[in-house]
């Protein structure tokens, strides 16, 4: 997936199959906790 495709998907907003998270400056230190919470 390229950057353009990702931006287009994000502009459509969250859905049942997509949840968006926003970081202001860098990846949060708790990224793996967040990732594992949403993994199936």
N, C-alpha and C. Protein backbone atom coordinates (compact mmCIF):
# COMPACT_ATOMS: atom_id res chain seq x y z
N UNK A 1 0.85 -1.16 0.00
CA UNK A 1 0.00 0.00 0.00
C UNK A 1 0.89 1.23 0.00
N UNK A 2 0.59 2.16 -0.87
CA UNK A 2 1.40 3.38 -0.91
C UNK A 2 0.78 4.50 -0.06
N UNK A 3 1.51 5.58 0.11
CA UNK A 3 1.07 6.68 0.97
C UNK A 3 -0.26 7.28 0.50
N UNK A 4 -0.42 7.44 -0.79
CA UNK A 4 -1.65 8.01 -1.35
C UNK A 4 -2.87 7.16 -0.98
N UNK A 5 -2.75 5.85 -1.12
CA UNK A 5 -3.85 4.94 -0.80
C UNK A 5 -4.20 5.01 0.68
N UNK A 6 -3.19 5.05 1.53
CA UNK A 6 -3.43 5.14 2.97
C UNK A 6 -4.16 6.43 3.32
N UNK A 7 -3.73 7.54 2.74
CA UNK A 7 -4.39 8.82 3.01
C UNK A 7 -5.84 8.81 2.53
N UNK A 8 -6.11 8.20 1.40
CA UNK A 8 -7.48 8.10 0.89
C UNK A 8 -8.35 7.28 1.84
N UNK A 9 -7.82 6.18 2.35
CA UNK A 9 -8.56 5.34 3.29
C UNK A 9 -8.85 6.12 4.58
N UNK A 10 -7.84 6.82 5.08
CA UNK A 10 -8.00 7.56 6.33
C UNK A 10 -9.01 8.70 6.21
N UNK A 11 -9.10 9.31 5.04
CA UNK A 11 -10.06 10.39 4.83
C UNK A 11 -11.50 9.89 4.95
N UNK A 12 -11.73 8.62 4.70
CA UNK A 12 -13.07 8.05 4.81
C UNK A 12 -13.47 7.81 6.27
N UNK A 13 -12.51 7.84 7.17
CA UNK A 13 -12.79 7.68 8.60
C UNK A 13 -12.82 6.24 9.06
N UNK A 14 -13.09 6.08 10.36
CA UNK A 14 -13.11 4.76 10.96
C UNK A 14 -14.33 3.97 10.50
N UNK A 15 -14.17 2.65 10.47
CA UNK A 15 -15.24 1.72 10.11
C UNK A 15 -15.11 0.49 11.00
N UNK A 16 -15.92 -0.49 10.74
CA UNK A 16 -15.85 -1.74 11.50
C UNK A 16 -14.49 -2.39 11.32
N UNK A 17 -13.90 -2.28 10.14
CA UNK A 17 -12.62 -2.94 9.85
C UNK A 17 -11.41 -2.03 9.95
N UNK A 18 -11.61 -0.75 10.34
CA UNK A 18 -10.49 0.19 10.42
C UNK A 18 -10.68 1.12 11.60
N UNK A 19 -9.68 1.17 12.47
CA UNK A 19 -9.69 2.12 13.56
C UNK A 19 -8.43 2.96 13.42
N UNK A 20 -8.58 4.26 13.54
CA UNK A 20 -7.47 5.19 13.33
C UNK A 20 -6.95 5.70 14.68
N UNK A 21 -5.65 5.82 14.77
CA UNK A 21 -4.99 6.41 15.93
C UNK A 21 -4.08 7.52 15.42
N UNK A 22 -3.97 8.58 16.19
CA UNK A 22 -3.16 9.72 15.76
C UNK A 22 -2.05 9.99 16.78
N UNK A 23 -0.85 10.16 16.28
CA UNK A 23 0.28 10.55 17.12
C UNK A 23 0.74 11.92 16.66
N UNK A 24 1.02 12.80 17.59
CA UNK A 24 1.39 14.17 17.22
C UNK A 24 2.81 14.29 16.69
N UNK A 25 3.76 13.60 17.31
CA UNK A 25 5.15 13.80 16.91
C UNK A 25 5.87 12.50 16.55
N UNK A 26 5.56 11.43 17.24
CA UNK A 26 6.26 10.17 17.02
C UNK A 26 5.38 9.01 17.44
N UNK A 27 5.83 7.81 17.16
CA UNK A 27 5.07 6.63 17.57
C UNK A 27 5.07 6.56 19.10
N UNK A 28 3.90 6.34 19.70
CA UNK A 28 3.85 6.26 21.16
C UNK A 28 4.61 5.03 21.68
N UNK A 29 5.12 5.15 22.88
CA UNK A 29 5.87 4.04 23.48
C UNK A 29 4.98 2.84 23.74
N UNK A 30 3.69 3.07 23.85
CA UNK A 30 2.76 1.97 24.13
C UNK A 30 2.19 1.37 22.85
N UNK A 31 2.85 1.55 21.72
CA UNK A 31 2.32 1.08 20.44
C UNK A 31 1.99 -0.40 20.45
N UNK A 32 2.82 -1.23 21.07
CA UNK A 32 2.57 -2.68 21.06
C UNK A 32 1.40 -3.05 21.94
N UNK A 33 1.17 -2.30 23.01
CA UNK A 33 -0.03 -2.54 23.84
C UNK A 33 -1.27 -2.22 23.04
N UNK A 34 -1.25 -1.10 22.33
CA UNK A 34 -2.39 -0.72 21.50
C UNK A 34 -2.58 -1.72 20.38
N UNK A 35 -1.51 -2.12 19.73
CA UNK A 35 -1.58 -3.08 18.63
C UNK A 35 -2.20 -4.40 19.10
N UNK A 36 -1.71 -4.91 20.21
CA UNK A 36 -2.19 -6.21 20.67
C UNK A 36 -3.64 -6.12 21.15
N UNK A 37 -4.08 -4.97 21.60
CA UNK A 37 -5.45 -4.81 22.04
C UNK A 37 -6.43 -4.94 20.87
N UNK A 38 -5.98 -4.59 19.67
CA UNK A 38 -6.86 -4.62 18.50
C UNK A 38 -6.62 -5.82 17.61
N UNK A 39 -5.60 -6.59 17.90
CA UNK A 39 -5.30 -7.77 17.07
C UNK A 39 -6.34 -8.85 17.32
N UNK A 40 -6.63 -9.58 16.29
CA UNK A 40 -7.61 -10.66 16.45
C UNK A 40 -6.91 -11.97 16.59
